[in-house]
Amino acid sequence: QECPDIIHGTQAGDDVIPSQQGAQRGVHQSRAITIPATVKNYVTAIETTTSGQLLTSAFFVVKGLNLKKGRKMLLVLTRGCGLSTQNAIGALKHFRCEPSPTSLLDALQADGTDRMIEKHRLVSGATGIGESSYFQKKKASDSEDGAEDESEDGYLLVTGEDTVRGLHLDGLDVVIVVGRAPGPDEYMHIAGRTGRAGRRGMVINVLSKEDTAAVKGWEKMLDTEFEELEVRDVAKLD
């Protein structure tokens, strides 16, 4: 039975890389994570390195993915992409992006738990987003509009890479990464948001050709393959 839509926080033994060990010295300690075997990793290379072009390409990726209704997507802005969450959402709305983009922190705030939001901002986890949250309200709204099936209820959440550690979104289908993650360890934390509990998932990295070569160089360290994907072929993904 599928879990209800809920955001879980960091739990003991979850989502901390070995280099962060040392809880007895006041540092959070946990086991290392790996990218789930059920997750497919893609790289979508573009000619330019400008922030605007990266986001424009990410929009077309979302557009292609949304041809299959009901997909639950998380768009992650890397530190090096030069985009803030607010500016990215504004641009995506200008493009008339569907599903309409929502800040991850706004989705958390919809639950009305300020302490939880602050903890998430500090990358220490979030708890308590349940059936009365943003996700349930969205389902109710869609139902009023005539939606007949929960599977038709997709969303697009947008956030920076620093807020994803320890985050769990039940049923998340796709992570879209704008720009290159700082390194393979950081990439594991981003990619690990999807494909949980044996579910299939996808991570699509939108980056420059130079950064594509760098990311593909992580394949051995991550024990995974990065498949090259053209924007025009995104709509063909299952």
C-alpha atoms as a PDB file:
ATOM      1  CA  GLN A   1       0.000   0.000   0.000  1.00  0.00           C
ATOM      2  CA  GLU A   2       1.414   3.366  -1.027  1.00  0.00           C
ATOM      3  CA  CYS A   3       2.281   5.825   1.711  1.00  0.00           C
ATOM      4  CA  PRO A   4       0.289   9.084   1.855  1.00  0.00           C
ATOM      5  CA  ASP A   5       1.981  12.221   0.586  1.00  0.00           C
ATOM      6  CA  ILE A   6       4.119  13.429   3.465  1.00  0.00           C
ATOM      7  CA  ILE A   7       7.423  15.158   3.966  1.00  0.00           C
ATOM      8  CA  HIS A   8       9.636  13.388   6.437  1.00  0.00           C
ATOM      9  CA  GLY A   9      12.723  14.764   8.127  1.00  0.00           C
ATOM     10  CA  THR A  10      16.154  13.367   8.697  1.00  0.00           C
ATOM     11  CA  GLN A  11      16.108  10.295  10.885  1.00  0.00           C
ATOM     12  CA  ALA A  12      18.875   8.550  12.721  1.00  0.00           C
ATOM     13  CA  GLY A  13      20.939   6.558  10.265  1.00  0.00           C
ATOM     14  CA  ASP A  14      19.884   8.529   7.226  1.00  0.00           C
ATOM     15  CA  ASP A  15      21.487  10.809   4.668  1.00  0.00           C
ATOM     16  CA  VAL A  16      24.890  11.743   6.013  1.00  0.00           C
ATOM     17  CA  ILE A  17      28.109  10.937   4.189  1.00  0.00           C
ATOM     18  CA  PRO A  18      31.095   9.312   5.938  1.00  0.00           C
ATOM     19  CA  SER A  19      33.136  12.517   5.934  1.00  0.00           C
ATOM     20  CA  GLN A  20      30.523  14.023   8.249  1.00  0.00           C
ATOM     21  CA  GLN A  21      30.996  11.418  10.956  1.00  0.00           C
ATOM     22  CA  GLY A  22      31.807  12.514  14.458  1.00  0.00           C
ATOM     23  CA  ALA A  23      28.599  12.852  16.415  1.00  0.00           C
ATOM     24  CA  GLN A  24      30.475  12.550  19.696  1.00  0.00           C
ATOM     25  CA  ARG A  25      32.244  15.780  18.804  1.00  0.00           C
ATOM     26  CA  GLY A  26      28.919  17.564  18.320  1.00  0.00           C
ATOM     27  CA  VAL A  27      28.550  16.737  14.630  1.00  0.00           C
ATOM     28  CA  HIS A  28      25.537  14.834  13.281  1.00  0.00           C
ATOM     29  CA  GLN A  29      26.574  11.275  12.492  1.00  0.00           C
ATOM     30  CA  SER A  30      24.823   8.769  10.255  1.00  0.00           C
ATOM     31  CA  ARG A  31      25.352   6.140   7.612  1.00  0.00           C
ATOM     32  CA  ALA A  32      26.300   6.903   4.040  1.00  0.00           C
ATOM     33  CA  ILE A  33      23.601   6.870   1.377  1.00  0.00           C
ATOM     34  CA  THR A  34      23.695   5.561  -2.152  1.00  0.00           C
ATOM     35  CA  ILE A  35      21.624   6.316  -5.221  1.00  0.00           C
ATOM     36  CA  PRO A  36      18.788   3.760  -5.335  1.00  0.00           C
ATOM     37  CA  ALA A  37      19.224   1.142  -8.054  1.00  0.00           C
ATOM     38  CA  THR A  38      15.699   1.961  -9.247  1.00  0.00           C
ATOM     39  CA  VAL A  39      16.738   5.503 -10.240  1.00  0.00           C
ATOM     40  CA  LYS A  40      17.788   6.358 -13.790  1.00  0.00           C
ATOM     41  CA  ASN A  41      20.222   9.254 -14.117  1.00  0.00           C
ATOM     42  CA  TYR A  42      20.274  11.464 -17.199  1.00  0.00           C
ATOM     43  CA  VAL A  43      22.367  14.388 -18.410  1.00  0.00           C
ATOM     44  CA  THR A  44      20.898  16.982 -20.753  1.00  0.00           C
ATOM     45  CA  ALA A  45      23.739  19.048 -22.161  1.00  0.00           C
ATOM     46  CA  ILE A  46      23.216  22.515 -23.604  1.00  0.00           C
ATOM     47  CA  GLU A  47      25.587  24.750 -25.516  1.00  0.00           C
ATOM     48  CA  THR A  48      25.596  27.750 -23.202  1.00  0.00           C
ATOM     49  CA  THR A  49      26.419  28.157 -19.518  1.00  0.00           C
ATOM     50  CA  THR A  50      24.153  31.148 -18.808  1.00  0.00           C
ATOM     51  CA  SER A  51      21.642  30.896 -15.987  1.00  0.00           C
ATOM     52  CA  GLY A  52      18.797  31.948 -18.253  1.00  0.00           C
ATOM     53  CA  GLN A  53      19.484  29.236 -20.800  1.00  0.00           C
ATOM     54  CA  LEU A  54      19.853  26.584 -18.116  1.00  0.00           C
ATOM     55  CA  LEU A  55      16.447  27.496 -16.698  1.00  0.00           C
ATOM     56  CA  THR A  56      14.858  27.719 -20.133  1.00  0.00           C
ATOM     57  CA  SER A  57      16.081  24.206 -20.912  1.00  0.00           C
ATOM     58  CA  ALA A  58      14.817  23.007 -17.521  1.00  0.00           C
ATOM     59  CA  PHE A  59      11.393  24.454 -18.409  1.00  0.00           C
ATOM     60  CA  PHE A  60      11.292  22.414 -21.615  1.00  0.00           C
ATOM     61  CA  VAL A  61      12.275  19.338 -19.611  1.00  0.00           C
ATOM     62  CA  VAL A  62       9.326  19.953 -17.255  1.00  0.00           C
ATOM     63  CA  LYS A  63       7.046  20.556 -20.235  1.00  0.00           C
ATOM     64  CA  GLY A  64       8.046  17.233 -21.760  1.00  0.00           C
ATOM     65  CA  LEU A  65       7.619  15.378 -18.484  1.00  0.00           C
ATOM     66  CA  ASN A  66       4.209  16.905 -17.892  1.00  0.00           C
ATOM     67  CA  LEU A  67       2.827  15.268 -21.022  1.00  0.00           C
ATOM     68  CA  LYS A  68       2.349  12.349 -18.656  1.00  0.00           C
ATOM     69  CA  LYS A  69      -0.035  13.884 -16.126  1.00  0.00           C
ATOM     70  CA  GLY A  70       0.367  13.338 -12.429  1.00  0.00           C
ATOM     71  CA  ARG A  71       4.147  13.396 -12.255  1.00  0.00           C
ATOM     72  CA  LYS A  72       5.535  14.675  -8.972  1.00  0.00           C
ATOM     73  CA  MET A  73       8.646  16.731  -9.643  1.00  0.00           C
ATOM     74  CA  LEU A  74      11.303  18.496  -7.598  1.00  0.00           C
ATOM     75  CA  LEU A  75      13.462  21.083  -9.345  1.00  0.00           C
ATOM     76  CA  VAL A  76      16.764  21.639  -7.527  1.00  0.00           C
ATOM     77  CA  LEU A  77      18.858  24.754  -8.178  1.00  0.00           C
ATOM     78  CA  THR A  78      22.544  24.073  -7.587  1.00  0.00           C
ATOM     79  CA  ARG A  79      24.714  26.703  -5.953  1.00  0.00           C
ATOM     80  CA  GLY A  80      26.664  27.290  -9.137  1.00  0.00           C
ATOM     81  CA  CYS A  81      23.718  27.841 -11.467  1.00  0.00           C
ATOM     82  CA  GLY A  82      23.325  31.469 -10.396  1.00  0.00           C
ATOM     83  CA  LEU A  83      19.579  31.297  -9.784  1.00  0.00           C
ATOM     84  CA  SER A  84      17.564  31.996  -6.667  1.00  0.00           C
ATOM     85  CA  THR A  85      14.390  30.056  -5.929  1.00  0.00           C
ATOM     86  CA  GLN A  86      12.265  33.207  -6.143  1.00  0.00           C
ATOM     87  CA  ASN A  87      13.690  34.284  -9.509  1.00  0.00           C
ATOM     88  CA  ALA A  88      13.444  30.777 -10.943  1.00  0.00           C
ATOM     89  CA  ILE A  89       9.787  30.452  -9.931  1.00  0.00           C
ATOM     90  CA  GLY A  90       9.044  33.891 -11.370  1.00  0.00           C
ATOM     91  CA  ALA A  91      10.596  32.962 -14.697  1.00  0.00           C
ATOM     92  CA  LEU A  92       8.846  29.574 -14.837  1.00  0.00           C
ATOM     93  CA  LYS A  93       5.500  31.232 -14.170  1.00  0.00           C
ATOM     94  CA  HIS A  94       6.277  33.739 -16.932  1.00  0.00           C
ATOM     95  CA  PHE A  95       6.783  30.734 -19.228  1.00  0.00           C
ATOM     96  CA  ARG A  96       3.341  29.492 -18.053  1.00  0.00           C
ATOM     97  CA  CYS A  97       4.928  26.353 -16.711  1.00  0.00           C
ATOM     98  CA  GLU A  98       2.609  23.492 -15.779  1.00  0.00           C
ATOM     99  CA  PRO A  99       2.333  22.252 -13.098  1.00  0.00           C
ATOM    100  CA  SER A 100       2.602  25.724 -11.620  1.00  0.00           C
ATOM    101  CA  PRO A 101       5.903  25.913  -9.692  1.00  0.00           C
ATOM    102  CA  THR A 102       5.778  26.281  -5.915  1.00  0.00           C
ATOM    103  CA  SER A 103       8.596  26.961  -3.484  1.00  0.00           C
ATOM    104  CA  LEU A 104       9.337  23.923  -1.350  1.00  0.00           C
ATOM    105  CA  LEU A 105       9.532  26.176   1.706  1.00  0.00           C
ATOM    106  CA  ASP A 106       6.122  27.647   0.866  1.00  0.00           C
ATOM    107  CA  ALA A 107       4.749  24.098   0.704  1.00  0.00           C
ATOM    108  CA  LEU A 108       6.170  23.480   4.156  1.00  0.00           C
ATOM    109  CA  GLN A 109       4.802  26.781   5.416  1.00  0.00           C
ATOM    110  CA  ALA A 110       1.330  25.773   4.254  1.00  0.00           C
ATOM    111  CA  ASP A 111       1.341  23.338   7.152  1.00  0.00           C
ATOM    112  CA  GLY A 112       1.747  26.272   9.542  1.00  0.00           C
ATOM    113  CA  THR A 113       4.698  24.881  11.480  1.00  0.00           C
ATOM    114  CA  ASP A 114       7.267  27.656  11.798  1.00  0.00           C
ATOM    115  CA  ARG A 115       9.739  25.626  13.813  1.00  0.00           C
ATOM    116  CA  MET A 116       9.687  22.918  11.170  1.00  0.00           C
ATOM    117  CA  ILE A 117      10.354  25.451   8.433  1.00  0.00           C
ATOM    118  CA  GLU A 118      13.278  26.931  10.335  1.00  0.00           C
ATOM    119  CA  LYS A 119      14.763  23.487  10.896  1.00  0.00           C
ATOM    120  CA  HIS A 120      14.460  22.750   7.215  1.00  0.00           C
ATOM    121  CA  ARG A 121      16.154  26.039   6.353  1.00  0.00           C
ATOM    122  CA  LEU A 122      19.027  24.916   8.571  1.00  0.00           C
ATOM    123  CA  VAL A 123      19.146  21.606   6.706  1.00  0.00           C
ATOM    124  CA  SER A 124      18.296  19.608   9.778  1.00  0.00           C
ATOM    125  CA  GLY A 125      15.124  18.006   8.525  1.00  0.00           C
ATOM    126  CA  ALA A 126      11.383  18.583   8.408  1.00  0.00           C
ATOM    127  CA  THR A 127       8.466  16.670   9.856  1.00  0.00           C
ATOM    128  CA  GLY A 128       4.724  16.950   9.994  1.00  0.00           C
ATOM    129  CA  ILE A 129       3.594  17.595   6.437  1.00  0.00           C
ATOM    130  CA  GLY A 130       0.574  15.298   6.292  1.00  0.00           C
ATOM    131  CA  GLU A 131      -2.956  15.124   5.015  1.00  0.00           C
ATOM    132  CA  SER A 132      -3.801  18.689   6.114  1.00  0.00           C
ATOM    133  CA  SER A 133      -0.811  20.108   4.267  1.00  0.00           C
ATOM    134  CA  TYR A 134      -0.194  21.768   0.901  1.00  0.00           C
ATOM    135  CA  PHE A 135      -0.454  18.385  -0.815  1.00  0.00           C
ATOM    136  CA  GLN A 136      -3.845  17.515   0.670  1.00  0.00           C
ATOM    137  CA  LYS A 137      -5.164  21.003  -0.083  1.00  0.00           C
ATOM    138  CA  LYS A 138      -3.998  20.610  -3.655  1.00  0.00           C
ATOM    139  CA  LYS A 139      -5.780  17.281  -3.950  1.00  0.00           C
ATOM    140  CA  ALA A 140      -8.984  18.802  -2.589  1.00  0.00           C
ATOM    141  CA  SER A 141      -8.725  21.695  -5.035  1.00  0.00           C
ATOM    142  CA  ASP A 142      -8.168  19.358  -7.971  1.00  0.00           C
ATOM    143  CA  SER A 143     -11.093  17.211  -6.862  1.00  0.00           C
ATOM    144  CA  GLU A 144     -13.372  20.250  -6.845  1.00  0.00           C
ATOM    145  CA  ASP A 145     -12.227  20.972 -10.380  1.00  0.00           C
ATOM    146  CA  GLY A 146     -13.366  17.533 -11.483  1.00  0.00           C
ATOM    147  CA  ALA A 147     -10.238  15.427 -11.017  1.00  0.00           C
ATOM    148  CA  GLU A 148     -11.245  11.793 -10.651  1.00  0.00           C
ATOM    149  CA  ASP A 149      -8.017  10.116  -9.597  1.00  0.00           C
ATOM    150  CA  GLU A 150      -5.233  10.981  -7.185  1.00  0.00           C
ATOM    151  CA  SER A 151      -2.737   9.766  -9.782  1.00  0.00           C
ATOM    152  CA  GLU A 152      -3.635  12.849 -11.823  1.00  0.00           C
ATOM    153  CA  ASP A 153      -2.372  15.108  -9.041  1.00  0.00           C
ATOM    154  CA  GLY A 154       1.144  16.170  -9.957  1.00  0.00           C
ATOM    155  CA  TYR A 155       3.243  19.056  -8.716  1.00  0.00           C
ATOM    156  CA  LEU A 156       6.472  20.960  -9.294  1.00  0.00           C
ATOM    157  CA  LEU A 157       8.378  22.084  -6.207  1.00  0.00           C
ATOM    158  CA  VAL A 158      11.430  24.326  -6.518  1.00  0.00           C
ATOM    159  CA  THR A 159      14.277  24.660  -4.030  1.00  0.00           C
ATOM    160  CA  GLY A 160      18.011  25.165  -3.656  1.00  0.00           C
ATOM    161  CA  GLU A 161      20.373  22.242  -3.208  1.00  0.00           C
ATOM    162  CA  ASP A 162      21.117  23.143   0.411  1.00  0.00           C
ATOM    163  CA  THR A 163      17.560  22.300   1.495  1.00  0.00           C
ATOM    164  CA  VAL A 164      17.268  18.764   0.136  1.00  0.00           C
ATOM    165  CA  ARG A 165      19.426  16.881   2.632  1.00  0.00           C
ATOM    166  CA  GLY A 166      17.207  14.676   4.779  1.00  0.00           C
ATOM    167  CA  LEU A 167      14.072  15.518   2.798  1.00  0.00           C
ATOM    168  CA  HIS A 168      11.653  12.742   1.861  1.00  0.00           C
ATOM    169  CA  LEU A 169       8.746  13.355  -0.498  1.00  0.00           C
ATOM    170  CA  ASP A 170       6.634  10.222  -0.786  1.00  0.00           C
ATOM    171  CA  GLY A 171       6.086   9.165  -4.365  1.00  0.00           C
ATOM    172  CA  LEU A 172       8.470  11.718  -5.905  1.00  0.00           C
ATOM    173  CA  ASP A 173       8.880  10.714  -9.560  1.00  0.00           C
ATOM    174  CA  VAL A 174      11.518  13.066 -10.932  1.00  0.00           C
ATOM    175  CA  VAL A 175      14.306  15.314  -9.697  1.00  0.00           C
ATOM    176  CA  ILE A 176      15.453  17.966 -12.175  1.00  0.00           C
ATOM    177  CA  VAL A 177      18.867  19.374 -11.304  1.00  0.00           C
ATOM    178  CA  VAL A 178      19.748  22.764 -12.789  1.00  0.00           C
ATOM    179  CA  GLY A 179      23.514  23.123 -13.051  1.00  0.00           C
ATOM    180  CA  ARG A 180      26.204  20.796 -11.710  1.00  0.00           C
ATOM    181  CA  ALA A 181      26.203  19.595  -8.124  1.00  0.00           C
ATOM    182  CA  PRO A 182      29.450  20.507  -6.309  1.00  0.00           C
ATOM    183  CA  GLY A 183      30.572  16.887  -6.157  1.00  0.00           C
ATOM    184  CA  PRO A 184      29.480  13.238  -6.161  1.00  0.00           C
ATOM    185  CA  ASP A 185      28.562  13.221  -2.461  1.00  0.00           C
ATOM    186  CA  GLU A 186      26.262  16.213  -2.901  1.00  0.00           C
ATOM    187  CA  TYR A 187      24.801  14.597  -5.994  1.00  0.00           C
ATOM    188  CA  MET A 188      23.939  11.461  -4.016  1.00  0.00           C
ATOM    189  CA  HIS A 189      21.874  13.513  -1.598  1.00  0.00           C
ATOM    190  CA  ILE A 190      20.019  15.211  -4.452  1.00  0.00           C
ATOM    191  CA  ALA A 191      19.420  12.042  -6.472  1.00  0.00           C
ATOM    192  CA  GLY A 192      18.408  10.115  -3.363  1.00  0.00           C
ATOM    193  CA  ARG A 193      15.184  12.127  -3.042  1.00  0.00           C
ATOM    194  CA  THR A 194      13.518   9.835  -5.588  1.00  0.00           C
ATOM    195  CA  GLY A 195      13.393   6.076  -6.066  1.00  0.00           C
ATOM    196  CA  ARG A 196      12.702   5.330  -2.417  1.00  0.00           C
ATOM    197  CA  ALA A 197      11.032   2.183  -1.045  1.00  0.00           C
ATOM    198  CA  GLY A 198      11.701   0.351  -4.292  1.00  0.00           C
ATOM    199  CA  ARG A 199       9.868   2.860  -6.479  1.00  0.00           C
ATOM    200  CA  ARG A 200      11.234   3.878  -9.856  1.00  0.00           C
ATOM    201  CA  GLY A 201      12.604   7.385 -10.207  1.00  0.00           C
ATOM    202  CA  MET A 202      14.503   9.674 -12.549  1.00  0.00           C
ATOM    203  CA  VAL A 203      17.079  12.402 -12.132  1.00  0.00           C
ATOM    204  CA  ILE A 204      17.601  14.738 -15.080  1.00  0.00           C
ATOM    205  CA  ASN A 205      20.633  17.010 -14.900  1.00  0.00           C
ATOM    206  CA  VAL A 206      20.425  20.143 -17.059  1.00  0.00           C
ATOM    207  CA  LEU A 207      23.932  21.510 -17.505  1.00  0.00           C
ATOM    208  CA  SER A 208      26.582  22.752 -19.890  1.00  0.00           C
ATOM    209  CA  LYS A 209      28.565  20.368 -22.074  1.00  0.00           C
ATOM    210  CA  GLU A 210      31.648  21.001 -19.963  1.00  0.00           C
ATOM    211  CA  ASP A 211      29.789  20.147 -16.767  1.00  0.00           C
ATOM    212  CA  THR A 212      28.271  17.101 -18.459  1.00  0.00           C
ATOM    213  CA  ALA A 213      31.749  15.663 -18.971  1.00  0.00           C
ATOM    214  CA  ALA A 214      32.566  16.335 -15.316  1.00  0.00           C
ATOM    215  CA  VAL A 215      29.389  14.633 -14.075  1.00  0.00           C
ATOM    216  CA  LYS A 216      29.932  11.588 -16.278  1.00  0.00           C
ATOM    217  CA  GLY A 217      33.346  11.341 -14.622  1.00  0.00           C
ATOM    218  CA  TRP A 218      31.534  10.467 -11.374  1.00  0.00           C
ATOM    219  CA  GLU A 219      30.050   7.264 -12.761  1.00  0.00           C
ATOM    220  CA  LYS A 220      32.600   4.928 -11.212  1.00  0.00           C
ATOM    221  CA  MET A 221      32.508   6.648  -7.815  1.00  0.00           C
ATOM    222  CA  LEU A 222      28.710   6.599  -7.737  1.00  0.00           C
ATOM    223  CA  ASP A 223      28.415   3.148  -9.335  1.00  0.00           C
ATOM    224  CA  THR A 224      25.816   4.505 -11.706  1.00  0.00           C
ATOM    225  CA  GLU A 225      25.508   5.494 -15.357  1.00  0.00           C
ATOM    226  CA  PHE A 226      24.557   8.923 -16.663  1.00  0.00           C
ATOM    227  CA  GLU A 227      22.629   8.508 -19.883  1.00  0.00           C
ATOM    228  CA  GLU A 228      22.690  11.415 -22.323  1.00  0.00           C
ATOM    229  CA  LEU A 229      19.229  12.780 -23.033  1.00  0.00           C
ATOM    230  CA  GLU A 230      18.110  15.375 -25.564  1.00  0.00           C
ATOM    231  CA  VAL A 231      15.387  17.784 -24.480  1.00  0.00           C
ATOM    232  CA  ARG A 232      13.219  16.686 -27.394  1.00  0.00           C
ATOM    233  CA  ASP A 233      13.337  13.084 -26.118  1.00  0.00           C
ATOM    234  CA  VAL A 234      12.160  13.844 -22.564  1.00  0.00           C
ATOM    235  CA  ALA A 235       8.525  13.288 -23.505  1.00  0.00           C
ATOM    236  CA  LYS A 236       9.373   9.682 -24.467  1.00  0.00           C
ATOM    237  CA  LEU A 237      10.446   8.754 -20.932  1.00  0.00           C
ATOM    238  CA  ASP A 238       8.195   6.313 -19.111  1.00  0.00           C
END
